[in-house]
Each structure stands twice: as C-alpha cells, then as structure tokens.
Amino acid sequence: MSKQIRMTARPKRSNTADQWVETSSPIAVEPTGKIKRLTIDIDPELHTRLKLRCVRHDVRIADWLRGLIEDTLDAEDRNSSSF
C-alpha cells in the first residue's frame, strides 16, 4: 500500500492584506500619561461576539472599548448622572 501525495503549485499571494496594512491608519490616541492596563473576565460567547463585531467594523477591540468608555464618561459628565 502506498500513499500518493499530489503536489500543486502554491496559490498566488493576495496583496489585500499588504494593502490594508499600508493604508490603514491607527485610531489610537496618544496617551497623556503613564498607560494603565485594565483586565476583565467575560464569558467566551460574549468575547466571540465582541471579536466578530470588531472584525466587521475593522477596529481593534481595545480601540473600540477605549472609545466606548470615553463616550460613556463624556455623556455622564454632560448629564451629571451616575450609574
């Protein structure tokens, strides 16, 4: 019994990823002081949903969460409301 492996030509490389890296501009905001790390535990299903949402909108999770936190705090400051 012999196993035959068929070798085919390597698929041509797509330039899509390279173009995205070259043209994509980071959304990151310059820090005003020492960076602080925030770690939270979330359900795996929620994490999957979060990752998929960020992929669909072409944004990093950290950037989206930073924006969400900032927008929420700014809105709270404007409304003088609390949790």
PDB file of N, CA and C in Angstrom:
ATOM      1  N   MET A   1       0.844  -1.165   0.000  1.00  0.00           N
ATOM      2  CA  MET A   1       0.000   0.000   0.000  1.00  0.00           C
ATOM      3  C   MET A   1       0.896   1.237   0.000  1.00  0.00           C
ATOM      4  N   SER A   2       0.659   2.131  -0.945  1.00  0.00           N
ATOM      5  CA  SER A   2       1.447   3.349  -0.995  1.00  0.00           C
ATOM      6  C   SER A   2       0.515   4.554  -1.074  1.00  0.00           C
ATOM      7  N   LYS A   3       0.941   5.569  -0.443  1.00  0.00           N
ATOM      8  CA  LYS A   3       0.150   6.787  -0.424  1.00  0.00           C
ATOM      9  C   LYS A   3       0.784   7.780  -1.389  1.00  0.00           C
ATOM     10  N   GLN A   4      -0.028   8.317  -2.267  1.00  0.00           N
ATOM     11  CA  GLN A   4       0.486   9.290  -3.213  1.00  0.00           C
ATOM     12  C   GLN A   4       0.059  10.691  -2.787  1.00  0.00           C
ATOM     13  N   ILE A   5       1.007  11.566  -2.790  1.00  0.00           N
ATOM     14  CA  ILE A   5       0.725  12.955  -2.443  1.00  0.00           C
ATOM     15  C   ILE A   5       0.891  13.782  -3.701  1.00  0.00           C
ATOM     16  N   ARG A   6      -0.135  14.480  -4.035  1.00  0.00           N
ATOM     17  CA  ARG A   6      -0.085  15.315  -5.233  1.00  0.00           C
ATOM     18  C   ARG A   6       0.396  16.704  -4.847  1.00  0.00           C
ATOM     19  N   MET A   7       1.393  17.150  -5.514  1.00  0.00           N
ATOM     20  CA  MET A   7       1.941  18.474  -5.264  1.00  0.00           C
ATOM     21  C   MET A   7       1.413  19.425  -6.327  1.00  0.00           C
ATOM     22  N   THR A   8       0.862  20.503  -5.895  1.00  0.00           N
ATOM     23  CA  THR A   8       0.363  21.502  -6.829  1.00  0.00           C
ATOM     24  C   THR A   8       1.109  22.809  -6.593  1.00  0.00           C
ATOM     25  N   ALA A   9       0.953  23.706  -7.524  1.00  0.00           N
ATOM     26  CA  ALA A   9       1.612  24.997  -7.390  1.00  0.00           C
ATOM     27  C   ALA A   9       1.026  25.758  -6.209  1.00  0.00           C
ATOM     28  N   ARG A  10       1.871  26.497  -5.547  1.00  0.00           N
ATOM     29  CA  ARG A  10       1.422  27.312  -4.419  1.00  0.00           C
ATOM     30  C   ARG A  10       0.464  28.378  -4.948  1.00  0.00           C
ATOM     31  N   PRO A  11      -0.634  28.628  -4.234  1.00  0.00           N
ATOM     32  CA  PRO A  11      -1.561  29.673  -4.690  1.00  0.00           C
ATOM     33  C   PRO A  11      -0.872  31.032  -4.717  1.00  0.00           C
ATOM     34  N   LYS A  12      -1.296  31.856  -5.647  1.00  0.00           N
ATOM     35  CA  LYS A  12      -0.708  33.186  -5.752  1.00  0.00           C
ATOM     36  C   LYS A  12      -1.095  33.999  -4.524  1.00  0.00           C
ATOM     37  N   ARG A  13      -0.142  34.777  -4.061  1.00  0.00           N
ATOM     38  CA  ARG A  13      -0.334  35.575  -2.859  1.00  0.00           C
ATOM     39  C   ARG A  13      -1.268  36.756  -3.148  1.00  0.00           C
ATOM     40  N   SER A  14      -2.191  36.966  -2.237  1.00  0.00           N
ATOM     41  CA  SER A  14      -3.104  38.090  -2.366  1.00  0.00           C
ATOM     42  C   SER A  14      -2.463  39.324  -1.733  1.00  0.00           C
ATOM     43  N   ASN A  15      -2.552  40.431  -2.397  1.00  0.00           N
ATOM     44  CA  ASN A  15      -1.985  41.669  -1.872  1.00  0.00           C
ATOM     45  C   ASN A  15      -2.959  42.416  -0.975  1.00  0.00           C
ATOM     46  N   THR A  16      -4.133  41.855  -0.754  1.00  0.00           N
ATOM     47  CA  THR A  16      -5.148  42.541   0.036  1.00  0.00           C
ATOM     48  C   THR A  16      -4.655  42.863   1.435  1.00  0.00           C
ATOM     49  N   ALA A  17      -4.048  41.901   2.111  1.00  0.00           N
ATOM     50  CA  ALA A  17      -3.572  42.131   3.474  1.00  0.00           C
ATOM     51  C   ALA A  17      -2.471  43.183   3.490  1.00  0.00           C
ATOM     52  N   ASP A  18      -1.558  43.111   2.535  1.00  0.00           N
ATOM     53  CA  ASP A  18      -0.485  44.094   2.467  1.00  0.00           C
ATOM     54  C   ASP A  18      -1.040  45.501   2.235  1.00  0.00           C
ATOM     55  N   GLN A  19      -2.027  45.611   1.360  1.00  0.00           N
ATOM     56  CA  GLN A  19      -2.626  46.913   1.090  1.00  0.00           C
ATOM     57  C   GLN A  19      -3.307  47.458   2.334  1.00  0.00           C
ATOM     58  N   TRP A  20      -3.999  46.605   3.082  1.00  0.00           N
ATOM     59  CA  TRP A  20      -4.676  47.044   4.300  1.00  0.00           C
ATOM     60  C   TRP A  20      -3.669  47.575   5.314  1.00  0.00           C
ATOM     61  N   VAL A  21      -2.564  46.843   5.476  1.00  0.00           N
ATOM     62  CA  VAL A  21      -1.553  47.263   6.446  1.00  0.00           C
ATOM     63  C   VAL A  21      -0.951  48.603   6.036  1.00  0.00           C
ATOM     64  N   GLU A  22      -0.703  48.774   4.759  1.00  0.00           N
ATOM     65  CA  GLU A  22      -0.072  50.000   4.282  1.00  0.00           C
ATOM     66  C   GLU A  22      -1.007  51.205   4.337  1.00  0.00           C
ATOM     67  N   THR A  23      -2.301  50.991   4.105  1.00  0.00           N
ATOM     68  CA  THR A  23      -3.228  52.120   4.018  1.00  0.00           C
ATOM     69  C   THR A  23      -4.022  52.354   5.291  1.00  0.00           C
ATOM     70  N   SER A  24      -4.090  51.381   6.172  1.00  0.00           N
ATOM     71  CA  SER A  24      -4.878  51.527   7.392  1.00  0.00           C
ATOM     72  C   SER A  24      -4.163  52.455   8.361  1.00  0.00           C
ATOM     73  N   SER A  25      -4.894  53.410   8.881  1.00  0.00           N
ATOM     74  CA  SER A  25      -4.291  54.320   9.853  1.00  0.00           C
ATOM     75  C   SER A  25      -4.817  53.960  11.244  1.00  0.00           C
ATOM     76  N   PRO A  26      -3.941  53.892  12.221  1.00  0.00           N
ATOM     77  CA  PRO A  26      -4.381  53.527  13.557  1.00  0.00           C
ATOM     78  C   PRO A  26      -5.268  54.611  14.151  1.00  0.00           C
ATOM     79  N   ILE A  27      -6.209  54.176  14.991  1.00  0.00           N
ATOM     80  CA  ILE A  27      -7.134  55.087  15.638  1.00  0.00           C
ATOM     81  C   ILE A  27      -6.599  55.481  17.012  1.00  0.00           C
ATOM     82  N   ALA A  28      -5.536  54.848  17.404  1.00  0.00           N
ATOM     83  CA  ALA A  28      -5.026  55.032  18.763  1.00  0.00           C
ATOM     84  C   ALA A  28      -4.781  56.501  19.077  1.00  0.00           C
ATOM     85  N   VAL A  29      -5.123  56.859  20.292  1.00  0.00           N
ATOM     86  CA  VAL A  29      -4.930  58.216  20.774  1.00  0.00           C
ATOM     87  C   VAL A  29      -3.645  58.253  21.582  1.00  0.00           C
ATOM     88  N   GLU A  30      -2.894  59.332  21.434  1.00  0.00           N
ATOM     89  CA  GLU A  30      -1.651  59.463  22.186  1.00  0.00           C
ATOM     90  C   GLU A  30      -1.970  59.564  23.674  1.00  0.00           C
ATOM     91  N   PRO A  31      -1.291  58.770  24.495  1.00  0.00           N
ATOM     92  CA  PRO A  31      -1.557  58.824  25.933  1.00  0.00           C
ATOM     93  C   PRO A  31      -1.087  60.145  26.531  1.00  0.00           C
ATOM     94  N   THR A  32      -1.811  60.589  27.561  1.00  0.00           N
ATOM     95  CA  THR A  32      -1.439  61.841  28.220  1.00  0.00           C
ATOM     96  C   THR A  32      -0.554  61.581  29.429  1.00  0.00           C
ATOM     97  N   GLY A  33      -0.385  60.351  29.789  1.00  0.00           N
ATOM     98  CA  GLY A  33       0.447  59.997  30.934  1.00  0.00           C
ATOM     99  C   GLY A  33       0.805  58.528  30.851  1.00  0.00           C
ATOM    100  N   LYS A  34       1.161  57.965  31.983  1.00  0.00           N
ATOM    101  CA  LYS A  34       1.513  56.550  32.029  1.00  0.00           C
ATOM    102  C   LYS A  34       0.274  55.708  31.725  1.00  0.00           C
ATOM    103  N   ILE A  35       0.435  54.736  30.829  1.00  0.00           N
ATOM    104  CA  ILE A  35      -0.659  53.860  30.424  1.00  0.00           C
ATOM    105  C   ILE A  35      -1.013  52.915  31.566  1.00  0.00           C
ATOM    106  N   LYS A  36      -2.298  52.716  31.784  1.00  0.00           N
ATOM    107  CA  LYS A  36      -2.792  51.772  32.785  1.00  0.00           C
ATOM    108  C   LYS A  36      -3.486  50.627  32.062  1.00  0.00           C
ATOM    109  N   ARG A  37      -3.251  49.422  32.517  1.00  0.00           N
ATOM    110  CA  ARG A  37      -3.856  48.242  31.918  1.00  0.00           C
ATOM    111  C   ARG A  37      -5.120  47.873  32.676  1.00  0.00           C
ATOM    112  N   LEU A  38      -6.157  47.508  31.936  1.00  0.00           N
ATOM    113  CA  LEU A  38      -7.435  47.096  32.502  1.00  0.00           C
ATOM    114  C   LEU A  38      -7.695  45.659  32.062  1.00  0.00           C
ATOM    115  N   THR A  39      -7.922  44.783  32.996  1.00  0.00           N
ATOM    116  CA  THR A  39      -8.188  43.381  32.678  1.00  0.00           C
ATOM    117  C   THR A  39      -9.559  43.013  33.207  1.00  0.00           C
ATOM    118  N   ILE A  40     -10.377  42.426  32.338  1.00  0.00           N
ATOM    119  CA  ILE A  40     -11.700  41.981  32.770  1.00  0.00           C
ATOM    120  C   ILE A  40     -11.915  40.539  32.307  1.00  0.00           C
ATOM    121  N   ASP A  41     -12.773  39.843  33.008  1.00  0.00           N
ATOM    122  CA  ASP A  41     -13.154  38.487  32.636  1.00  0.00           C
ATOM    123  C   ASP A  41     -14.546  38.542  32.033  1.00  0.00           C
ATOM    124  N   ILE A  42     -14.699  37.955  30.837  1.00  0.00           N
ATOM    125  CA  ILE A  42     -16.013  37.906  30.202  1.00  0.00           C
ATOM    126  C   ILE A  42     -16.280  36.490  29.709  1.00  0.00           C
ATOM    127  N   ASP A  43     -17.545  36.212  29.510  1.00  0.00           N
ATOM    128  CA  ASP A  43     -17.989  34.915  29.020  1.00  0.00           C
ATOM    129  C   ASP A  43     -17.412  34.665  27.619  1.00  0.00           C
ATOM    130  N   PRO A  44     -16.983  33.429  27.328  1.00  0.00           N
ATOM    131  CA  PRO A  44     -16.409  33.148  25.999  1.00  0.00           C
ATOM    132  C   PRO A  44     -17.345  33.503  24.843  1.00  0.00           C
ATOM    133  N   GLU A  45     -18.643  33.292  25.017  1.00  0.00           N
ATOM    134  CA  GLU A  45     -19.583  33.630  23.945  1.00  0.00           C
ATOM    135  C   GLU A  45     -19.635  35.139  23.717  1.00  0.00           C
ATOM    136  N   LEU A  46     -19.609  35.899  24.803  1.00  0.00           N
ATOM    137  CA  LEU A  46     -19.581  37.352  24.686  1.00  0.00           C
ATOM    138  C   LEU A  46     -18.296  37.819  24.015  1.00  0.00           C
ATOM    139  N   HIS A  47     -17.188  37.179  24.348  1.00  0.00           N
ATOM    140  CA  HIS A  47     -15.905  37.522  23.731  1.00  0.00           C
ATOM    141  C   HIS A  47     -15.943  37.264  22.227  1.00  0.00           C
ATOM    142  N   THR A  48     -16.524  36.149  21.836  1.00  0.00           N
ATOM    143  CA  THR A  48     -16.640  35.822  20.407  1.00  0.00           C
ATOM    144  C   THR A  48     -17.482  36.874  19.693  1.00  0.00           C
ATOM    145  N   ARG A  49     -18.614  37.249  20.292  1.00  0.00           N
ATOM    146  CA  ARG A  49     -19.469  38.273  19.692  1.00  0.00           C
ATOM    147  C   ARG A  49     -18.731  39.597  19.567  1.00  0.00           C
ATOM    148  N   LEU A  50     -17.959  39.945  20.591  1.00  0.00           N
ATOM    149  CA  LEU A  50     -17.185  41.181  20.577  1.00  0.00           C
ATOM    150  C   LEU A  50     -16.136  41.158  19.470  1.00  0.00           C
ATOM    151  N   LYS A  51     -15.414  40.056  19.341  1.00  0.00           N
ATOM    152  CA  LYS A  51     -14.400  39.935  18.296  1.00  0.00           C
ATOM    153  C   LYS A  51     -15.021  40.042  16.907  1.00  0.00           C
ATOM    154  N   LEU A  52     -16.147  39.362  16.709  1.00  0.00           N
ATOM    155  CA  LEU A  52     -16.808  39.402  15.405  1.00  0.00           C
ATOM    156  C   LEU A  52     -17.278  40.813  15.072  1.00  0.00           C
ATOM    157  N   ARG A  53     -17.822  41.510  16.046  1.00  0.00           N
ATOM    158  CA  ARG A  53     -18.273  42.887  15.828  1.00  0.00           C
ATOM    159  C   ARG A  53     -17.109  43.776  15.413  1.00  0.00           C
ATOM    160  N   CYS A  54     -15.996  43.629  16.098  1.00  0.00           N
ATOM    161  CA  CYS A  54     -14.831  44.452  15.792  1.00  0.00           C
ATOM    162  C   CYS A  54     -14.247  44.115  14.423  1.00  0.00           C
ATOM    163  N   VAL A  55     -14.264  42.853  14.052  1.00  0.00           N
ATOM    164  CA  VAL A  55     -13.782  42.465  12.720  1.00  0.00           C
ATOM    165  C   VAL A  55     -14.676  43.076  11.648  1.00  0.00           C
ATOM    166  N   ARG A  56     -16.000  43.003  11.848  1.00  0.00           N
ATOM    167  CA  ARG A  56     -16.930  43.567  10.860  1.00  0.00           C
ATOM    168  C   ARG A  56     -16.736  45.063  10.683  1.00  0.00           C
ATOM    169  N   HIS A  57     -16.368  45.755  11.751  1.00  0.00           N
ATOM    170  CA  HIS A  57     -16.204  47.200  11.694  1.00  0.00           C
ATOM    171  C   HIS A  57     -14.740  47.620  11.538  1.00  0.00           C
ATOM    172  N   ASP A  58     -13.860  46.647  11.346  1.00  0.00           N
ATOM    173  CA  ASP A  58     -12.436  46.898  11.099  1.00  0.00           C
ATOM    174  C   ASP A  58     -11.812  47.783  12.185  1.00  0.00           C
ATOM    175  N   VAL A  59     -12.035  47.385  13.428  1.00  0.00           N
ATOM    176  CA  VAL A  59     -11.480  48.128  14.551  1.00  0.00           C
ATOM    177  C   VAL A  59     -10.953  47.137  15.579  1.00  0.00           C
ATOM    178  N   ARG A  60      -9.898  47.520  16.267  1.00  0.00           N
ATOM    179  CA  ARG A  60      -9.365  46.645  17.309  1.00  0.00           C
ATOM    180  C   ARG A  60     -10.258  46.713  18.540  1.00  0.00           C
ATOM    181  N   ILE A  61     -10.347  45.606  19.271  1.00  0.00           N
ATOM    182  CA  ILE A  61     -11.182  45.556  20.467  1.00  0.00           C
ATOM    183  C   ILE A  61     -10.776  46.649  21.444  1.00  0.00           C
ATOM    184  N   ALA A  62      -9.493  46.787  21.705  1.00  0.00           N
ATOM    185  CA  ALA A  62      -9.017  47.781  22.670  1.00  0.00           C
ATOM    186  C   ALA A  62      -9.409  49.190  22.245  1.00  0.00           C
ATOM    187  N   ASP A  63      -9.279  49.515  20.954  1.00  0.00           N
ATOM    188  CA  ASP A  63      -9.639  50.849  20.474  1.00  0.00           C
ATOM    189  C   ASP A  63     -11.132  51.104  20.638  1.00  0.00           C
ATOM    190  N   TRP A  64     -11.948  50.108  20.307  1.00  0.00           N
ATOM    191  CA  TRP A  64     -13.400  50.252  20.421  1.00  0.00           C
ATOM    192  C   TRP A  64     -13.814  50.432  21.882  1.00  0.00           C
ATOM    193  N   LEU A  65     -13.224  49.627  22.761  1.00  0.00           N
ATOM    194  CA  LEU A  65     -13.565  49.733  24.179  1.00  0.00           C
ATOM    195  C   LEU A  65     -13.116  51.073  24.760  1.00  0.00           C
ATOM    196  N   ARG A  66     -11.940  51.544  24.374  1.00  0.00           N
ATOM    197  CA  ARG A  66     -11.491  52.859  24.841  1.00  0.00           C
ATOM    198  C   ARG A  66     -12.477  53.948  24.425  1.00  0.00           C
ATOM    199  N   GLY A  67     -12.900  53.896  23.174  1.00  0.00           N
ATOM    200  CA  GLY A  67     -13.865  54.873  22.675  1.00  0.00           C
ATOM    201  C   GLY A  67     -15.193  54.785  23.403  1.00  0.00           C
ATOM    202  N   LEU A  68     -15.650  53.565  23.647  1.00  0.00           N
ATOM    203  CA  LEU A  68     -16.910  53.353  24.349  1.00  0.00           C
ATOM    204  C   LEU A  68     -16.843  53.906  25.773  1.00  0.00           C
ATOM    205  N   ILE A  69     -15.755  53.628  26.450  1.00  0.00           N
ATOM    206  CA  ILE A  69     -15.580  54.126  27.817  1.00  0.00           C
ATOM    207  C   ILE A  69     -15.544  55.649  27.816  1.00  0.00           C
ATOM    208  N   GLU A  70     -14.766  56.221  26.905  1.00  0.00           N
ATOM    209  CA  GLU A  70     -14.652  57.682  26.852  1.00  0.00           C
ATOM    210  C   GLU A  70     -15.991  58.328  26.523  1.00  0.00           C
ATOM    211  N   ASP A  71     -16.717  57.792  25.532  1.00  0.00           N
ATOM    212  CA  ASP A  71     -18.020  58.339  25.163  1.00  0.00           C
ATOM    213  C   ASP A  71     -19.002  58.263  26.330  1.00  0.00           C
ATOM    214  N   THR A  72     -18.993  57.144  27.050  1.00  0.00           N
ATOM    215  CA  THR A  72     -19.895  56.970  28.184  1.00  0.00           C
ATOM    216  C   THR A  72     -19.585  57.961  29.298  1.00  0.00           C
ATOM    217  N   LEU A  73     -18.309  58.121  29.602  1.00  0.00           N
ATOM    218  CA  LEU A  73     -17.927  59.055  30.654  1.00  0.00           C
ATOM    219  C   LEU A  73     -18.211  60.502  30.247  1.00  0.00           C
ATOM    220  N   ASP A  74     -17.967  60.843  28.977  1.00  0.00           N
ATOM    221  CA  ASP A  74     -18.266  62.196  28.499  1.00  0.00           C
ATOM    222  C   ASP A  74     -19.764  62.480  28.589  1.00  0.00           C
ATOM    223  N   ALA A  75     -20.585  61.508  28.186  1.00  0.00           N
ATOM    224  CA  ALA A  75     -22.037  61.677  28.257  1.00  0.00           C
ATOM    225  C   ALA A  75     -22.479  61.824  29.710  1.00  0.00           C
ATOM    226  N   GLU A  76     -21.869  61.055  30.587  1.00  0.00           N
ATOM    227  CA  GLU A  76     -22.200  61.155  32.009  1.00  0.00           C
ATOM    228  C   GLU A  76     -21.827  62.528  32.543  1.00  0.00           C
ATOM    229  N   ASP A  77     -20.670  63.039  32.147  1.00  0.00           N
ATOM    230  CA  ASP A  77     -20.251  64.363  32.590  1.00  0.00           C
ATOM    231  C   ASP A  77     -21.230  65.439  32.111  1.00  0.00           C
ATOM    232  N   ARG A  78     -21.704  65.296  30.877  1.00  0.00           N
ATOM    233  CA  ARG A  78     -22.657  66.273  30.326  1.00  0.00           C
ATOM    234  C   ARG A  78     -23.995  66.206  31.052  1.00  0.00           C
ATOM    235  N   ASN A  79     -24.418  65.015  31.424  1.00  0.00           N
ATOM    236  CA  ASN A  79     -25.724  64.830  32.062  1.00  0.00           C
ATOM    237  C   ASN A  79     -25.656  64.836  33.574  1.00  0.00           C
ATOM    238  N   SER A  80     -24.472  64.852  34.121  1.00  0.00           N
ATOM    239  CA  SER A  80     -24.272  64.801  35.582  1.00  0.00           C
ATOM    240  C   SER A  80     -25.038  63.651  36.217  1.00  0.00           C
ATOM    241  N   SER A  81     -25.102  62.523  35.503  1.00  0.00           N
ATOM    242  CA  SER A  81     -25.776  61.351  36.062  1.00  0.00           C
ATOM    243  C   SER A  81     -24.734  60.334  36.497  1.00  0.00           C
ATOM    244  N   SER A  82     -25.168  59.349  37.223  1.00  0.00           N
ATOM    245  CA  SER A  82     -24.260  58.301  37.681  1.00  0.00           C
ATOM    246  C   SER A  82     -24.865  56.938  37.381  1.00  0.00           C
ATOM    247  N   PHE A  83     -24.139  55.916  37.734  1.00  0.00           N
ATOM    248  CA  PHE A  83     -24.567  54.550  37.450  1.00  0.00           C
ATOM    249  C   PHE A  83     -25.915  54.282  38.036  1.00  0.00           C
TER     250      PHE A  83
END
